[in-house]
Amino acid sequence: MGQQRRKYTDDYKAGAVERLYEPGATQGSVAKELRITGTQLKTWRFCTKHPLFSQRGR
């Protein structure tokens, strides 16, 4: 059996995206601290800009 897929709350995702705007923060450094991929963080950043973000169950 493979690994179970991790699920993140909207609040967690929004907090992760907010960390990108801290001085000196990079997508790679924030992703590494949170143990996620940079691509995942970039997707969250893109999704939080859309009003349907919280309505789509992400």
PDB file of N, CA and C in Angstrom:
ATOM      1  N   MET A   1       0.827  -1.192   0.000  1.00  0.00           N
ATOM      2  CA  MET A   1       0.000   0.000   0.000  1.00  0.00           C
ATOM      3  C   MET A   1       0.868   1.251   0.000  1.00  0.00           C
ATOM      4  N   GLY A   2       0.370   2.287  -0.655  1.00  0.00           N
ATOM      5  CA  GLY A   2       1.096   3.545  -0.711  1.00  0.00           C
ATOM      6  C   GLY A   2       0.782   4.427   0.486  1.00  0.00           C
ATOM      7  N   GLN A   3       1.400   5.583   0.488  1.00  0.00           N
ATOM      8  CA  GLN A   3       1.154   6.527   1.569  1.00  0.00           C
ATOM      9  C   GLN A   3      -0.228   7.148   1.420  1.00  0.00           C
ATOM     10  N   GLN A   4      -0.826   7.491   2.552  1.00  0.00           N
ATOM     11  CA  GLN A   4      -2.112   8.166   2.528  1.00  0.00           C
ATOM     12  C   GLN A   4      -1.897   9.635   2.191  1.00  0.00           C
ATOM     13  N   ARG A   5      -2.760  10.170   1.380  1.00  0.00           N
ATOM     14  CA  ARG A   5      -2.654  11.565   0.960  1.00  0.00           C
ATOM     15  C   ARG A   5      -2.964  12.493   2.130  1.00  0.00           C
ATOM     16  N   ARG A   6      -2.113  13.504   2.322  1.00  0.00           N
ATOM     17  CA  ARG A   6      -2.330  14.461   3.407  1.00  0.00           C
ATOM     18  C   ARG A   6      -3.335  15.518   2.973  1.00  0.00           C
ATOM     19  N   LYS A   7      -4.143  15.961   3.925  1.00  0.00           N
ATOM     20  CA  LYS A   7      -5.135  17.003   3.655  1.00  0.00           C
ATOM     21  C   LYS A   7      -4.808  18.216   4.510  1.00  0.00           C
ATOM     22  N   TYR A   8      -4.976  19.396   3.932  1.00  0.00           N
ATOM     23  CA  TYR A   8      -4.679  20.646   4.626  1.00  0.00           C
ATOM     24  C   TYR A   8      -5.927  21.514   4.639  1.00  0.00           C
ATOM     25  N   THR A   9      -6.149  22.212   5.741  1.00  0.00           N
ATOM     26  CA  THR A   9      -7.296  23.112   5.837  1.00  0.00           C
ATOM     27  C   THR A   9      -7.029  24.386   5.043  1.00  0.00           C
ATOM     28  N   ASP A  10      -8.097  25.098   4.739  1.00  0.00           N
ATOM     29  CA  ASP A  10      -7.956  26.381   4.037  1.00  0.00           C
ATOM     30  C   ASP A  10      -7.135  27.359   4.873  1.00  0.00           C
ATOM     31  N   ASP A  11      -7.316  27.333   6.188  1.00  0.00           N
ATOM     32  CA  ASP A  11      -6.560  28.225   7.067  1.00  0.00           C
ATOM     33  C   ASP A  11      -5.069  27.921   7.007  1.00  0.00           C
ATOM     34  N   TYR A  12      -4.724  26.650   6.967  1.00  0.00           N
ATOM     35  CA  TYR A  12      -3.316  26.258   6.893  1.00  0.00           C
ATOM     36  C   TYR A  12      -2.705  26.745   5.581  1.00  0.00           C
ATOM     37  N   LYS A  13      -3.444  26.543   4.496  1.00  0.00           N
ATOM     38  CA  LYS A  13      -2.956  26.967   3.183  1.00  0.00           C
ATOM     39  C   LYS A  13      -2.777  28.484   3.128  1.00  0.00           C
ATOM     40  N   ALA A  14      -3.762  29.213   3.660  1.00  0.00           N
ATOM     41  CA  ALA A  14      -3.687  30.680   3.663  1.00  0.00           C
ATOM     42  C   ALA A  14      -2.498  31.148   4.501  1.00  0.00           C
ATOM     43  N   GLY A  15      -2.261  30.502   5.632  1.00  0.00           N
ATOM     44  CA  GLY A  15      -1.120  30.848   6.477  1.00  0.00           C
ATOM     45  C   GLY A  15       0.197  30.591   5.771  1.00  0.00           C
ATOM     46  N   ALA A  16       0.260  29.488   5.032  1.00  0.00           N
ATOM     47  CA  ALA A  16       1.474  29.167   4.282  1.00  0.00           C
ATOM     48  C   ALA A  16       1.736  30.227   3.219  1.00  0.00           C
ATOM     49  N   VAL A  17       0.681  30.642   2.534  1.00  0.00           N
ATOM     50  CA  VAL A  17       0.818  31.664   1.483  1.00  0.00           C
ATOM     51  C   VAL A  17       1.233  32.999   2.091  1.00  0.00           C
ATOM     52  N   GLU A  18       0.671  33.334   3.248  1.00  0.00           N
ATOM     53  CA  GLU A  18       1.047  34.586   3.911  1.00  0.00           C
ATOM     54  C   GLU A  18       2.532  34.617   4.259  1.00  0.00           C
ATOM     55  N   ARG A  19       3.088  33.473   4.591  1.00  0.00           N
ATOM     56  CA  ARG A  19       4.507  33.411   4.937  1.00  0.00           C
ATOM     57  C   ARG A  19       5.398  33.781   3.756  1.00  0.00           C
ATOM     58  N   LEU A  20       4.879  33.638   2.547  1.00  0.00           N
ATOM     59  CA  LEU A  20       5.659  34.009   1.359  1.00  0.00           C
ATOM     60  C   LEU A  20       5.954  35.502   1.314  1.00  0.00           C
ATOM     61  N   TYR A  21       5.133  36.286   1.995  1.00  0.00           N
ATOM     62  CA  TYR A  21       5.277  37.734   1.947  1.00  0.00           C
ATOM     63  C   TYR A  21       6.098  38.294   3.100  1.00  0.00           C
ATOM     64  N   GLU A  22       6.657  37.421   3.910  1.00  0.00           N
ATOM     65  CA  GLU A  22       7.553  37.859   4.979  1.00  0.00           C
ATOM     66  C   GLU A  22       8.899  38.235   4.365  1.00  0.00           C
ATOM     67  N   PRO A  23       9.589  39.216   4.938  1.00  0.00           N
ATOM     68  CA  PRO A  23      10.891  39.622   4.401  1.00  0.00           C
ATOM     69  C   PRO A  23      11.867  38.447   4.347  1.00  0.00           C
ATOM     70  N   GLY A  24      12.471  38.258   3.199  1.00  0.00           N
ATOM     71  CA  GLY A  24      13.476  37.219   3.023  1.00  0.00           C
ATOM     72  C   GLY A  24      12.934  35.836   2.731  1.00  0.00           C
ATOM     73  N   ALA A  25      11.627  35.683   2.756  1.00  0.00           N
ATOM     74  CA  ALA A  25      11.031  34.370   2.502  1.00  0.00           C
ATOM     75  C   ALA A  25      11.020  34.072   1.006  1.00  0.00           C
ATOM     76  N   THR A  26      11.338  32.845   0.679  1.00  0.00           N
ATOM     77  CA  THR A  26      11.253  32.398  -0.710  1.00  0.00           C
ATOM     78  C   THR A  26      10.297  31.212  -0.766  1.00  0.00           C
ATOM     79  N   GLN A  27       9.818  30.940  -1.951  1.00  0.00           N
ATOM     80  CA  GLN A  27       8.907  29.810  -2.119  1.00  0.00           C
ATOM     81  C   GLN A  27       9.588  28.519  -1.675  1.00  0.00           C
ATOM     82  N   GLY A  28      10.827  28.352  -2.050  1.00  0.00           N
ATOM     83  CA  GLY A  28      11.570  27.145  -1.687  1.00  0.00           C
ATOM     84  C   GLY A  28      11.790  27.008  -0.193  1.00  0.00           C
ATOM     85  N   SER A  29      12.130  28.118   0.471  1.00  0.00           N
ATOM     86  CA  SER A  29      12.410  28.039   1.905  1.00  0.00           C
ATOM     87  C   SER A  29      11.146  27.771   2.713  1.00  0.00           C
ATOM     88  N   VAL A  30      10.039  28.403   2.329  1.00  0.00           N
ATOM     89  CA  VAL A  30       8.781  28.188   3.044  1.00  0.00           C
ATOM     90  C   VAL A  30       8.302  26.747   2.816  1.00  0.00           C
ATOM     91  N   ALA A  31       8.384  26.286   1.590  1.00  0.00           N
ATOM     92  CA  ALA A  31       7.964  24.914   1.284  1.00  0.00           C
ATOM     93  C   ALA A  31       8.796  23.901   2.072  1.00  0.00           C
ATOM     94  N   LYS A  32      10.078  24.131   2.163  1.00  0.00           N
ATOM     95  CA  LYS A  32      10.950  23.212   2.889  1.00  0.00           C
ATOM     96  C   LYS A  32      10.594  23.179   4.373  1.00  0.00           C
ATOM     97  N   GLU A  33      10.336  24.348   4.959  1.00  0.00           N
ATOM     98  CA  GLU A  33       9.953  24.418   6.374  1.00  0.00           C
ATOM     99  C   GLU A  33       8.649  23.668   6.638  1.00  0.00           C
ATOM    100  N   LEU A  34       7.714  23.754   5.699  1.00  0.00           N
ATOM    101  CA  LEU A  34       6.409  23.127   5.868  1.00  0.00           C
ATOM    102  C   LEU A  34       6.380  21.682   5.379  1.00  0.00           C
ATOM    103  N   ARG A  35       7.476  21.249   4.802  1.00  0.00           N
ATOM    104  CA  ARG A  35       7.610  19.882   4.278  1.00  0.00           C
ATOM    105  C   ARG A  35       6.581  19.595   3.187  1.00  0.00           C
ATOM    106  N   ILE A  36       6.448  20.570   2.267  1.00  0.00           N
ATOM    107  CA  ILE A  36       5.616  20.406   1.086  1.00  0.00           C
ATOM    108  C   ILE A  36       6.473  20.782  -0.114  1.00  0.00           C
ATOM    109  N   THR A  37       5.967  20.561  -1.303  1.00  0.00           N
ATOM    110  CA  THR A  37       6.731  20.926  -2.490  1.00  0.00           C
ATOM    111  C   THR A  37       6.496  22.393  -2.835  1.00  0.00           C
ATOM    112  N   GLY A  38       7.459  22.975  -3.509  1.00  0.00           N
ATOM    113  CA  GLY A  38       7.312  24.355  -3.968  1.00  0.00           C
ATOM    114  C   GLY A  38       6.148  24.498  -4.926  1.00  0.00           C
ATOM    115  N   THR A  39       5.925  23.465  -5.728  1.00  0.00           N
ATOM    116  CA  THR A  39       4.811  23.486  -6.668  1.00  0.00           C
ATOM    117  C   THR A  39       3.483  23.532  -5.933  1.00  0.00           C
ATOM    118  N   GLN A  40       3.369  22.775  -4.834  1.00  0.00           N
ATOM    119  CA  GLN A  40       2.129  22.777  -4.062  1.00  0.00           C
ATOM    120  C   GLN A  40       1.873  24.158  -3.472  1.00  0.00           C
ATOM    121  N   LEU A  41       2.913  24.765  -2.950  1.00  0.00           N
ATOM    122  CA  LEU A  41       2.782  26.104  -2.369  1.00  0.00           C
ATOM    123  C   LEU A  41       2.374  27.113  -3.440  1.00  0.00           C
ATOM    124  N   LYS A  42       2.944  26.990  -4.618  1.00  0.00           N
ATOM    125  CA  LYS A  42       2.598  27.894  -5.716  1.00  0.00           C
ATOM    126  C   LYS A  42       1.131  27.710  -6.118  1.00  0.00           C
ATOM    127  N   THR A  43       0.655  26.475  -6.114  1.00  0.00           N
ATOM    128  CA  THR A  43      -0.748  26.206  -6.427  1.00  0.00           C
ATOM    129  C   THR A  43      -1.658  26.843  -5.395  1.00  0.00           C
ATOM    130  N   TRP A  44      -1.300  26.723  -4.129  1.00  0.00           N
ATOM    131  CA  TRP A  44      -2.102  27.347  -3.066  1.00  0.00           C
ATOM    132  C   TRP A  44      -2.124  28.855  -3.244  1.00  0.00           C
ATOM    133  N   ARG A  45      -0.984  29.439  -3.590  1.00  0.00           N
ATOM    134  CA  ARG A  45      -0.921  30.890  -3.777  1.00  0.00           C
ATOM    135  C   ARG A  45      -1.845  31.316  -4.910  1.00  0.00           C
ATOM    136  N   PHE A  46      -1.832  30.555  -5.987  1.00  0.00           N
ATOM    137  CA  PHE A  46      -2.697  30.851  -7.122  1.00  0.00           C
ATOM    138  C   PHE A  46      -4.165  30.703  -6.738  1.00  0.00           C
ATOM    139  N   CYS A  47      -4.511  29.645  -6.031  1.00  0.00           N
ATOM    140  CA  CYS A  47      -5.907  29.372  -5.669  1.00  0.00           C
ATOM    141  C   CYS A  47      -6.462  30.383  -4.686  1.00  0.00           C
ATOM    142  N   THR A  48      -5.646  30.904  -3.806  1.00  0.00           N
ATOM    143  CA  THR A  48      -6.162  31.845  -2.814  1.00  0.00           C
ATOM    144  C   THR A  48      -6.539  33.178  -3.446  1.00  0.00           C
ATOM    145  N   LYS A  49      -6.124  33.417  -4.670  1.00  0.00           N
ATOM    146  CA  LYS A  49      -6.478  34.657  -5.354  1.00  0.00           C
ATOM    147  C   LYS A  49      -7.870  34.584  -5.962  1.00  0.00           C
ATOM    148  N   HIS A  50      -8.434  33.388  -6.017  1.00  0.00           N
ATOM    149  CA  HIS A  50      -9.737  33.208  -6.631  1.00  0.00           C
ATOM    150  C   HIS A  50     -10.825  33.119  -5.580  1.00  0.00           C
ATOM    151  N   PRO A  51     -11.953  33.794  -5.797  1.00  0.00           N
ATOM    152  CA  PRO A  51     -13.022  33.804  -4.797  1.00  0.00           C
ATOM    153  C   PRO A  51     -13.631  32.427  -4.548  1.00  0.00           C
ATOM    154  N   LEU A  52     -13.508  31.513  -5.481  1.00  0.00           N
ATOM    155  CA  LEU A  52     -14.077  30.181  -5.313  1.00  0.00           C
ATOM    156  C   LEU A  52     -13.188  29.256  -4.500  1.00  0.00           C
ATOM    157  N   PHE A  53     -12.043  29.743  -4.052  1.00  0.00           N
ATOM    158  CA  PHE A  53     -11.078  28.910  -3.329  1.00  0.00           C
ATOM    159  C   PHE A  53     -11.728  28.149  -2.180  1.00  0.00           C
ATOM    160  N   SER A  54     -12.417  28.836  -1.302  1.00  0.00           N
ATOM    161  CA  SER A  54     -12.993  28.180  -0.129  1.00  0.00           C
ATOM    162  C   SER A  54     -14.271  27.414  -0.473  1.00  0.00           C
ATOM    163  N   GLN A  55     -14.880  27.687  -1.608  1.00  0.00           N
ATOM    164  CA  GLN A  55     -16.114  27.021  -1.977  1.00  0.00           C
ATOM    165  C   GLN A  55     -15.855  25.699  -2.701  1.00  0.00           C
ATOM    166  N   ARG A  56     -14.645  25.497  -3.165  1.00  0.00           N
ATOM    167  CA  ARG A  56     -14.347  24.299  -3.954  1.00  0.00           C
ATOM    168  C   ARG A  56     -13.871  23.150  -3.075  1.00  0.00           C
ATOM    169  N   GLY A  57     -13.836  23.327  -1.770  1.00  0.00           N
ATOM    170  CA  GLY A  57     -13.444  22.243  -0.888  1.00  0.00           C
ATOM    171  C   GLY A  57     -11.974  21.973  -0.835  1.00  0.00           C
ATOM    172  N   ARG A  58     -11.172  22.940  -1.225  1.00  0.00           N
ATOM    173  CA  ARG A  58      -9.721  22.743  -1.212  1.00  0.00           C
ATOM    174  C   ARG A  58      -9.169  23.064   0.120  1.00  0.00           C
TER     175      ARG A  58
END
